[in-house]
Amino acid sequence: MARVSFTGNLKRHVACPPATVSATTVREALDAVFATNAPLRSYVLDEQGRLRRHVNIYVNERMIGDRVTQSDAVRDTDEIFVLQALSGG
């Protein structure tokens, strides 16, 4: 099963412990996490289901290419990292 982890700065806003999920795409993995943690969805996805501008997702060490539907493939041995970008001076 794939492991989904979230950065510490996102955890300041909403509880999001690491999760182990069964999924074949990044979107399936996210949906599995959101099924048990609905408030997290609005921090990661916008109203159309696209990744928010300030969020990046990596599968292992590779940033996903499909920010719209999150269709990038996931294997059982993969680690998915959800990062909320920081900005400022």
C-alpha atoms as a PDB file:
ATOM      1  CA  MET A   1       0.000   0.000   0.000  1.00  0.00           C
ATOM      2  CA  ALA A   2       1.217   3.509  -0.804  1.00  0.00           C
ATOM      3  CA  ARG A   3       2.087   5.905   1.992  1.00  0.00           C
ATOM      4  CA  VAL A   4       0.827   9.515   1.904  1.00  0.00           C
ATOM      5  CA  SER A   5       2.657  12.097   4.024  1.00  0.00           C
ATOM      6  CA  PHE A   6       2.094  15.808   4.577  1.00  0.00           C
ATOM      7  CA  THR A   7       4.529  18.600   5.441  1.00  0.00           C
ATOM      8  CA  GLY A   8       4.640  20.163   8.869  1.00  0.00           C
ATOM      9  CA  ASN A   9       3.416  23.557   7.694  1.00  0.00           C
ATOM     10  CA  LEU A  10       0.181  21.962   6.426  1.00  0.00           C
ATOM     11  CA  LYS A  11      -0.214  20.144   9.748  1.00  0.00           C
ATOM     12  CA  ARG A  12      -0.350  23.540  11.484  1.00  0.00           C
ATOM     13  CA  HIS A  13      -3.689  24.198   9.769  1.00  0.00           C
ATOM     14  CA  VAL A  14      -5.355  20.778   9.816  1.00  0.00           C
ATOM     15  CA  ALA A  15      -4.625  17.393  11.336  1.00  0.00           C
ATOM     16  CA  CYS A  16      -3.070  15.222   8.633  1.00  0.00           C
ATOM     17  CA  PRO A  17      -1.088  12.282   9.934  1.00  0.00           C
ATOM     18  CA  PRO A  18       0.588   9.977   7.411  1.00  0.00           C
ATOM     19  CA  ALA A  19      -1.766   7.442   5.861  1.00  0.00           C
ATOM     20  CA  THR A  20      -1.332   4.124   4.120  1.00  0.00           C
ATOM     21  CA  VAL A  21      -3.776   3.661   1.249  1.00  0.00           C
ATOM     22  CA  SER A  22      -4.560   1.323  -1.609  1.00  0.00           C
ATOM     23  CA  ALA A  23      -4.493   3.300  -4.867  1.00  0.00           C
ATOM     24  CA  THR A  24      -3.387   3.154  -8.493  1.00  0.00           C
ATOM     25  CA  THR A  25      -3.308   6.945  -9.052  1.00  0.00           C
ATOM     26  CA  VAL A  26      -2.446   9.967  -6.957  1.00  0.00           C
ATOM     27  CA  ARG A  27      -6.111  11.031  -7.059  1.00  0.00           C
ATOM     28  CA  GLU A  28      -7.258   7.666  -5.691  1.00  0.00           C
ATOM     29  CA  ALA A  29      -4.723   8.009  -2.897  1.00  0.00           C
ATOM     30  CA  LEU A  30      -5.903  11.527  -2.074  1.00  0.00           C
ATOM     31  CA  ASP A  31      -9.553  10.467  -2.167  1.00  0.00           C
ATOM     32  CA  ALA A  32      -8.789   7.633   0.259  1.00  0.00           C
ATOM     33  CA  VAL A  33      -7.208  10.121   2.665  1.00  0.00           C
ATOM     34  CA  PHE A  34     -10.045  12.630   2.233  1.00  0.00           C
ATOM     35  CA  ALA A  35     -12.609   9.886   2.962  1.00  0.00           C
ATOM     36  CA  THR A  36     -11.338   9.830   6.547  1.00  0.00           C
ATOM     37  CA  ASN A  37     -10.188  13.455   6.741  1.00  0.00           C
ATOM     38  CA  ALA A  38     -12.640  15.647   4.829  1.00  0.00           C
ATOM     39  CA  PRO A  39     -11.319  19.043   6.092  1.00  0.00           C
ATOM     40  CA  LEU A  40      -7.949  18.324   4.490  1.00  0.00           C
ATOM     41  CA  ARG A  41      -9.427  18.329   0.976  1.00  0.00           C
ATOM     42  CA  SER A  42      -9.918  22.099   0.818  1.00  0.00           C
ATOM     43  CA  TYR A  43      -6.284  22.697   1.769  1.00  0.00           C
ATOM     44  CA  VAL A  44      -5.006  20.481  -1.052  1.00  0.00           C
ATOM     45  CA  LEU A  45      -7.577  20.830  -3.866  1.00  0.00           C
ATOM     46  CA  ASP A  46      -9.587  23.779  -5.147  1.00  0.00           C
ATOM     47  CA  GLU A  47     -13.331  23.764  -5.871  1.00  0.00           C
ATOM     48  CA  GLN A  48     -12.761  22.096  -9.287  1.00  0.00           C
ATOM     49  CA  GLY A  49     -10.652  19.286  -7.802  1.00  0.00           C
ATOM     50  CA  ARG A  50      -7.357  20.687  -9.113  1.00  0.00           C
ATOM     51  CA  LEU A  51      -4.270  21.015  -6.968  1.00  0.00           C
ATOM     52  CA  ARG A  52      -4.131  24.399  -5.326  1.00  0.00           C
ATOM     53  CA  ARG A  53      -1.472  26.674  -6.760  1.00  0.00           C
ATOM     54  CA  HIS A  54       0.627  26.550  -3.602  1.00  0.00           C
ATOM     55  CA  VAL A  55       0.563  22.734  -3.282  1.00  0.00           C
ATOM     56  CA  ASN A  56       2.976  20.296  -4.911  1.00  0.00           C
ATOM     57  CA  ILE A  57       2.821  16.516  -4.814  1.00  0.00           C
ATOM     58  CA  TYR A  58       5.725  14.160  -5.302  1.00  0.00           C
ATOM     59  CA  VAL A  59       5.600  10.425  -5.885  1.00  0.00           C
ATOM     60  CA  ASN A  60       8.882   9.276  -4.424  1.00  0.00           C
ATOM     61  CA  GLU A  61      11.268  11.955  -5.737  1.00  0.00           C
ATOM     62  CA  ARG A  62       9.285  12.943  -8.851  1.00  0.00           C
ATOM     63  CA  MET A  63       6.825  15.829  -8.947  1.00  0.00           C
ATOM     64  CA  ILE A  64       3.525  14.761 -10.474  1.00  0.00           C
ATOM     65  CA  GLY A  65       2.769  16.016 -13.963  1.00  0.00           C
ATOM     66  CA  ASP A  66      -1.030  16.065 -13.841  1.00  0.00           C
ATOM     67  CA  ARG A  67      -2.103  18.860 -11.496  1.00  0.00           C
ATOM     68  CA  VAL A  68      -5.665  18.857 -12.880  1.00  0.00           C
ATOM     69  CA  THR A  69      -6.870  15.277 -12.319  1.00  0.00           C
ATOM     70  CA  GLN A  70      -3.858  13.849 -10.458  1.00  0.00           C
ATOM     71  CA  SER A  71      -3.794  10.799 -12.755  1.00  0.00           C
ATOM     72  CA  ASP A  72      -0.110   9.978 -12.158  1.00  0.00           C
ATOM     73  CA  ALA A  73       0.375   6.283 -11.441  1.00  0.00           C
ATOM     74  CA  VAL A  74       1.023   4.978  -7.937  1.00  0.00           C
ATOM     75  CA  ARG A  75       2.423   1.591  -6.946  1.00  0.00           C
ATOM     76  CA  ASP A  76       2.059  -0.120  -3.586  1.00  0.00           C
ATOM     77  CA  THR A  77       5.683   0.662  -2.716  1.00  0.00           C
ATOM     78  CA  ASP A  78       5.453   4.393  -3.494  1.00  0.00           C
ATOM     79  CA  GLU A  79       5.596   7.287  -1.081  1.00  0.00           C
ATOM     80  CA  ILE A  80       3.437  10.295  -1.864  1.00  0.00           C
ATOM     81  CA  PHE A  81       4.483  13.615  -0.373  1.00  0.00           C
ATOM     82  CA  VAL A  82       2.029  16.531  -0.237  1.00  0.00           C
ATOM     83  CA  LEU A  83       3.871  19.821   0.165  1.00  0.00           C
ATOM     84  CA  GLN A  84       2.399  23.234   0.786  1.00  0.00           C
ATOM     85  CA  ALA A  85       4.735  25.847  -0.665  1.00  0.00           C
ATOM     86  CA  LEU A  86       5.859  28.717   1.508  1.00  0.00           C
ATOM     87  CA  SER A  87       6.332  32.251   0.271  1.00  0.00           C
ATOM     88  CA  GLY A  88       7.356  35.531   1.707  1.00  0.00           C
ATOM     89  CA  GLY A  89      10.494  37.443   2.414  1.00  0.00           C
END
